[in-house]
Amino acid sequence: MFDVGFSELLMVGLVALLVLGPEKLPRAARLAGLWVGKARSVLAVAKAEIKQELAAEEMRQLMQQNIIAGEVQKALDDTRSAVEDINFNIQAATEADQHDDKPRSAG
């Protein structure tokens, strides 16, 4: 994020030494280290929460797609079943017509 090199850190350290003095500098460095650690911790937690929320949203979208796919499959199965019923009825009607058209033998 920030591009801070060794020379910049050295300059900040020298300015801090001049401003705070050698007695207060170790305590200030420790305090700065604690704040940096807390900031990193907060950022890590926020990053983890965002990742978790994105994963949950992906899961919701996937479930929605599965529901839609299931509904489409059910409609397809119902349509196939209806076509099979129609074909069966047509075949039965055709066979019945053929049986009625045959001449009957006397006897």
N, C-alpha and C. Protein backbone atom coordinates (compact mmCIF):
# COMPACT_ATOMS: atom_id res chain seq x y z
N MET A 1 0.84 -1.18 0.00
CA MET A 1 0.00 0.00 0.00
C MET A 1 0.88 1.24 0.00
N PHE A 2 1.66 1.42 1.08
CA PHE A 2 2.59 2.53 1.14
C PHE A 2 3.97 1.99 0.81
N ASP A 3 4.67 2.72 -0.02
CA ASP A 3 6.00 2.28 -0.40
C ASP A 3 7.02 3.03 0.45
N VAL A 4 7.34 2.45 1.61
CA VAL A 4 8.27 3.07 2.53
C VAL A 4 9.55 2.25 2.53
N GLY A 5 10.64 2.91 2.21
CA GLY A 5 11.92 2.22 2.16
C GLY A 5 12.70 2.42 3.44
N PHE A 6 13.90 1.85 3.46
CA PHE A 6 14.76 1.92 4.64
C PHE A 6 15.17 3.35 4.94
N SER A 7 15.46 4.12 3.90
CA SER A 7 15.92 5.50 4.12
C SER A 7 14.81 6.34 4.77
N GLU A 8 13.56 6.14 4.37
CA GLU A 8 12.46 6.89 4.97
C GLU A 8 12.28 6.51 6.44
N LEU A 9 12.40 5.20 6.74
CA LEU A 9 12.28 4.76 8.13
C LEU A 9 13.41 5.33 8.99
N LEU A 10 14.60 5.36 8.44
CA LEU A 10 15.75 5.92 9.16
C LEU A 10 15.51 7.40 9.45
N MET A 11 14.97 8.13 8.48
CA MET A 11 14.69 9.55 8.66
C MET A 11 13.63 9.76 9.75
N VAL A 12 12.57 8.96 9.74
CA VAL A 12 11.53 9.06 10.77
C VAL A 12 12.12 8.76 12.14
N GLY A 13 12.97 7.75 12.21
CA GLY A 13 13.61 7.40 13.49
C GLY A 13 14.48 8.52 14.01
N LEU A 14 15.25 9.16 13.15
CA LEU A 14 16.11 10.27 13.58
C LEU A 14 15.28 11.46 14.05
N VAL A 15 14.21 11.79 13.34
CA VAL A 15 13.35 12.90 13.74
C VAL A 15 12.69 12.57 15.08
N ALA A 16 12.24 11.34 15.25
CA ALA A 16 11.62 10.93 16.52
C ALA A 16 12.63 11.02 17.66
N LEU A 17 13.87 10.63 17.41
CA LEU A 17 14.91 10.71 18.44
C LEU A 17 15.16 12.16 18.83
N LEU A 18 15.18 13.06 17.85
CA LEU A 18 15.40 14.47 18.15
C LEU A 18 14.21 15.09 18.88
N VAL A 19 12.98 14.71 18.48
CA VAL A 19 11.78 15.31 19.08
C VAL A 19 11.51 14.73 20.46
N LEU A 20 11.56 13.42 20.58
CA LEU A 20 11.19 12.77 21.85
C LEU A 20 12.36 12.64 22.81
N GLY A 21 13.52 12.49 22.30
CA GLY A 21 14.68 12.30 23.15
C GLY A 21 14.90 10.81 23.41
N PRO A 22 16.07 10.47 23.89
CA PRO A 22 16.41 9.06 24.09
C PRO A 22 15.63 8.38 25.22
N GLU A 23 15.08 9.14 26.16
CA GLU A 23 14.34 8.53 27.26
C GLU A 23 12.95 8.08 26.83
N LYS A 24 12.26 8.89 26.04
CA LYS A 24 10.87 8.60 25.66
C LYS A 24 10.77 7.79 24.36
N LEU A 25 11.82 7.70 23.60
CA LEU A 25 11.76 7.04 22.30
C LEU A 25 11.40 5.55 22.40
N PRO A 26 12.00 4.76 23.31
CA PRO A 26 11.63 3.34 23.37
C PRO A 26 10.15 3.13 23.70
N ARG A 27 9.63 3.92 24.63
CA ARG A 27 8.22 3.81 24.98
C ARG A 27 7.32 4.19 23.80
N ALA A 28 7.67 5.25 23.09
CA ALA A 28 6.90 5.68 21.92
C ALA A 28 6.98 4.62 20.82
N ALA A 29 8.13 3.98 20.65
CA ALA A 29 8.28 2.93 19.63
C ALA A 29 7.40 1.73 19.98
N ARG A 30 7.37 1.37 21.27
CA ARG A 30 6.52 0.27 21.70
C ARG A 30 5.04 0.59 21.45
N LEU A 31 4.65 1.81 21.80
CA LEU A 31 3.27 2.24 21.60
C LEU A 31 2.92 2.24 20.11
N ALA A 32 3.82 2.72 19.28
CA ALA A 32 3.59 2.72 17.83
C ALA A 32 3.47 1.28 17.33
N GLY A 33 4.31 0.40 17.84
CA GLY A 33 4.24 -1.01 17.46
C GLY A 33 2.91 -1.64 17.84
N LEU A 34 2.41 -1.30 19.03
CA LEU A 34 1.10 -1.82 19.46
C LEU A 34 -0.01 -1.33 18.54
N TRP A 35 0.04 -0.05 18.19
CA TRP A 35 -1.00 0.50 17.31
C TRP A 35 -0.93 -0.13 15.92
N VAL A 36 0.27 -0.34 15.43
CA VAL A 36 0.42 -0.99 14.11
C VAL A 36 -0.12 -2.41 14.18
N GLY A 37 0.17 -3.12 15.27
CA GLY A 37 -0.34 -4.48 15.44
C GLY A 37 -1.87 -4.51 15.50
N LYS A 38 -2.44 -3.56 16.23
CA LYS A 38 -3.91 -3.49 16.30
C LYS A 38 -4.52 -3.18 14.94
N ALA A 39 -3.89 -2.26 14.22
CA ALA A 39 -4.40 -1.90 12.90
C ALA A 39 -4.35 -3.11 11.96
N ARG A 40 -3.26 -3.85 12.01
CA ARG A 40 -3.15 -5.06 11.18
C ARG A 40 -4.21 -6.08 11.57
N SER A 41 -4.44 -6.22 12.87
CA SER A 41 -5.45 -7.17 13.34
C SER A 41 -6.84 -6.78 12.85
N VAL A 42 -7.16 -5.49 12.96
CA VAL A 42 -8.46 -5.02 12.50
C VAL A 42 -8.61 -5.25 11.00
N LEU A 43 -7.56 -4.96 10.24
CA LEU A 43 -7.60 -5.17 8.79
C LEU A 43 -7.76 -6.65 8.45
N ALA A 44 -7.09 -7.52 9.20
CA ALA A 44 -7.20 -8.96 8.94
C ALA A 44 -8.62 -9.45 9.23
N VAL A 45 -9.21 -8.97 10.30
CA VAL A 45 -10.59 -9.35 10.63
C VAL A 45 -11.55 -8.86 9.56
N ALA A 46 -11.38 -7.62 9.13
CA ALA A 46 -12.26 -7.07 8.09
C ALA A 46 -12.11 -7.85 6.79
N LYS A 47 -10.88 -8.19 6.46
CA LYS A 47 -10.62 -8.96 5.23
C LYS A 47 -11.28 -10.33 5.33
N ALA A 48 -11.18 -10.98 6.48
CA ALA A 48 -11.79 -12.30 6.67
C ALA A 48 -13.32 -12.20 6.58
N GLU A 49 -13.90 -11.16 7.14
CA GLU A 49 -15.35 -10.99 7.08
C GLU A 49 -15.81 -10.76 5.64
N ILE A 50 -15.06 -9.97 4.90
CA ILE A 50 -15.42 -9.72 3.50
C ILE A 50 -15.33 -11.01 2.70
N LYS A 51 -14.26 -11.78 2.94
CA LYS A 51 -14.12 -13.07 2.25
C LYS A 51 -15.28 -14.00 2.58
N GLN A 52 -15.66 -14.05 3.84
CA GLN A 52 -16.75 -14.91 4.27
C GLN A 52 -18.06 -14.46 3.63
N GLU A 53 -18.29 -13.16 3.57
CA GLU A 53 -19.52 -12.65 2.98
C GLU A 53 -19.56 -12.95 1.48
N LEU A 54 -18.44 -12.82 0.81
CA LEU A 54 -18.38 -13.15 -0.62
C LEU A 54 -18.65 -14.63 -0.85
N ALA A 55 -18.10 -15.47 0.01
CA ALA A 55 -18.33 -16.92 -0.12
C ALA A 55 -19.81 -17.24 0.11
N ALA A 56 -20.42 -16.57 1.08
CA ALA A 56 -21.84 -16.80 1.35
C ALA A 56 -22.69 -16.35 0.16
N GLU A 57 -22.33 -15.23 -0.44
CA GLU A 57 -23.08 -14.74 -1.60
C GLU A 57 -22.92 -15.71 -2.78
N GLU A 58 -21.71 -16.22 -2.99
CA GLU A 58 -21.51 -17.22 -4.05
C GLU A 58 -22.37 -18.45 -3.79
N MET A 59 -22.45 -18.88 -2.55
CA MET A 59 -23.24 -20.05 -2.19
C MET A 59 -24.72 -19.80 -2.46
N ARG A 60 -25.20 -18.60 -2.11
CA ARG A 60 -26.60 -18.25 -2.38
C ARG A 60 -26.89 -18.28 -3.88
N GLN A 61 -25.98 -17.74 -4.67
CA GLN A 61 -26.17 -17.73 -6.12
C GLN A 61 -26.16 -19.15 -6.67
N LEU A 62 -25.26 -19.98 -6.16
CA LEU A 62 -25.18 -21.37 -6.60
C LEU A 62 -26.45 -22.13 -6.24
N MET A 63 -26.97 -21.91 -5.04
CA MET A 63 -28.20 -22.57 -4.63
C MET A 63 -29.37 -22.11 -5.51
N GLN A 64 -29.42 -20.81 -5.83
CA GLN A 64 -30.48 -20.29 -6.69
C GLN A 64 -30.39 -20.93 -8.07
N GLN A 65 -29.18 -21.08 -8.60
CA GLN A 65 -29.01 -21.72 -9.91
C GLN A 65 -29.45 -23.18 -9.85
N ASN A 66 -29.14 -23.86 -8.76
CA ASN A 66 -29.54 -25.26 -8.61
C ASN A 66 -31.06 -25.38 -8.53
N ILE A 67 -31.70 -24.45 -7.84
CA ILE A 67 -33.16 -24.47 -7.74
C ILE A 67 -33.77 -24.27 -9.12
N ILE A 68 -33.25 -23.30 -9.86
CA ILE A 68 -33.77 -23.05 -11.21
C ILE A 68 -33.53 -24.25 -12.11
N ALA A 69 -32.33 -24.85 -12.01
CA ALA A 69 -32.03 -26.02 -12.83
C ALA A 69 -32.97 -27.17 -12.47
N GLY A 70 -33.28 -27.34 -11.20
CA GLY A 70 -34.21 -28.39 -10.78
C GLY A 70 -35.61 -28.15 -11.33
N GLU A 71 -36.04 -26.89 -11.31
CA GLU A 71 -37.36 -26.57 -11.84
C GLU A 71 -37.42 -26.82 -13.35
N VAL A 72 -36.35 -26.46 -14.05
CA VAL A 72 -36.30 -26.70 -15.50
C VAL A 72 -36.32 -28.20 -15.78
N GLN A 73 -35.57 -28.97 -14.99
CA GLN A 73 -35.53 -30.42 -15.18
C GLN A 73 -36.90 -31.03 -14.91
N LYS A 74 -37.59 -30.54 -13.88
CA LYS A 74 -38.93 -31.06 -13.58
C LYS A 74 -39.89 -30.74 -14.72
N ALA A 75 -39.83 -29.52 -15.24
CA ALA A 75 -40.68 -29.16 -16.38
C ALA A 75 -40.37 -30.03 -17.59
N LEU A 76 -39.10 -30.30 -17.82
CA LEU A 76 -38.70 -31.16 -18.93
C LEU A 76 -39.23 -32.58 -18.74
N ASP A 77 -39.11 -33.10 -17.53
CA ASP A 77 -39.63 -34.45 -17.24
C ASP A 77 -41.14 -34.51 -17.41
N ASP A 78 -41.84 -33.46 -16.93
CA ASP A 78 -43.30 -33.42 -17.10
C ASP A 78 -43.68 -33.38 -18.56
N THR A 79 -42.93 -32.61 -19.35
CA THR A 79 -43.21 -32.52 -20.79
C THR A 79 -42.98 -33.86 -21.47
N ARG A 80 -41.89 -34.52 -21.12
CA ARG A 80 -41.61 -35.85 -21.71
C ARG A 80 -42.73 -36.83 -21.36
N SER A 81 -43.16 -36.80 -20.11
CA SER A 81 -44.23 -37.70 -19.68
C SER A 81 -45.51 -37.42 -20.45
N ALA A 82 -45.83 -36.15 -20.64
CA ALA A 82 -47.03 -35.79 -21.39
C ALA A 82 -46.92 -36.24 -22.84
N VAL A 83 -45.75 -36.08 -23.45
CA VAL A 83 -45.55 -36.52 -24.84
C VAL A 83 -45.69 -38.03 -24.94
N GLU A 84 -45.13 -38.75 -23.96
CA GLU A 84 -45.26 -40.21 -23.97
C GLU A 84 -46.73 -40.64 -23.84
N ASP A 85 -47.47 -39.96 -22.98
CA ASP A 85 -48.91 -40.26 -22.83
C ASP A 85 -49.66 -40.00 -24.13
N ILE A 86 -49.34 -38.89 -24.77
CA ILE A 86 -50.01 -38.57 -26.04
C ILE A 86 -49.67 -39.61 -27.09
N ASN A 87 -48.40 -39.98 -27.18
CA ASN A 87 -47.99 -41.00 -28.16
C ASN A 87 -48.67 -42.34 -27.87
N PHE A 88 -48.77 -42.71 -26.61
CA PHE A 88 -49.43 -43.95 -26.24
C PHE A 88 -50.91 -43.92 -26.64
N ASN A 89 -51.58 -42.80 -26.36
CA ASN A 89 -53.00 -42.67 -26.72
C ASN A 89 -53.21 -42.69 -28.23
N ILE A 90 -52.28 -42.04 -28.96
CA ILE A 90 -52.39 -42.06 -30.42
C ILE A 90 -52.21 -43.48 -30.93
N GLN A 91 -51.23 -44.19 -30.39
CA GLN A 91 -50.98 -45.57 -30.81
C GLN A 91 -52.17 -46.46 -30.48
N ALA A 92 -52.73 -46.28 -29.29
CA ALA A 92 -53.90 -47.08 -28.90
C ALA A 92 -55.09 -46.78 -29.80
N ALA A 93 -55.28 -45.52 -30.14
CA ALA A 93 -56.39 -45.15 -31.02
C ALA A 93 -56.17 -45.72 -32.42
N THR A 94 -54.94 -45.68 -32.90
CA THR A 94 -54.63 -46.23 -34.22
C THR A 94 -54.88 -47.73 -34.25
N GLU A 95 -54.46 -48.44 -33.22
CA GLU A 95 -54.67 -49.88 -33.16
C GLU A 95 -56.17 -50.20 -33.06
N ALA A 96 -56.90 -49.39 -32.33
CA ALA A 96 -58.34 -49.61 -32.21
C ALA A 96 -59.01 -49.40 -33.56
N ASP A 97 -58.58 -48.39 -34.32
CA ASP A 97 -59.13 -48.15 -35.66
C ASP A 97 -58.81 -49.32 -36.58
N GLN A 98 -57.62 -49.86 -36.47
CA GLN A 98 -57.23 -50.98 -37.33
C GLN A 98 -58.06 -52.22 -37.00
N HIS A 99 -58.33 -52.45 -35.75
CA HIS A 99 -59.15 -53.59 -35.37
C HIS A 99 -60.59 -53.43 -35.83
N ASP A 100 -61.08 -52.18 -35.82
CA ASP A 100 -62.45 -51.95 -36.25
C ASP A 100 -62.58 -52.05 -37.77
N ASP A 101 -61.53 -51.79 -38.51
CA ASP A 101 -61.57 -51.82 -39.98
C ASP A 101 -61.44 -53.23 -40.54
N LYS A 102 -60.98 -54.18 -39.78
CA LYS A 102 -60.79 -55.54 -40.28
C LYS A 102 -62.17 -56.19 -40.53
N PRO A 103 -62.28 -56.88 -41.66
CA PRO A 103 -63.57 -57.58 -41.90
C PRO A 103 -63.70 -58.74 -40.95
N ARG A 104 -64.88 -58.93 -40.52
CA ARG A 104 -65.14 -60.01 -39.56
C ARG A 104 -65.59 -61.24 -40.32
N SER A 105 -65.06 -62.33 -39.96
CA SER A 105 -65.45 -63.58 -40.63
C SER A 105 -66.69 -64.13 -39.97
N ALA A 106 -67.51 -64.74 -40.77
CA ALA A 106 -68.75 -65.29 -40.28
C ALA A 106 -68.45 -66.58 -39.55
N GLY A 107 -68.91 -66.67 -38.47
CA GLY A 107 -68.74 -67.81 -37.91
C GLY A 107 -68.62 -68.64 -36.93
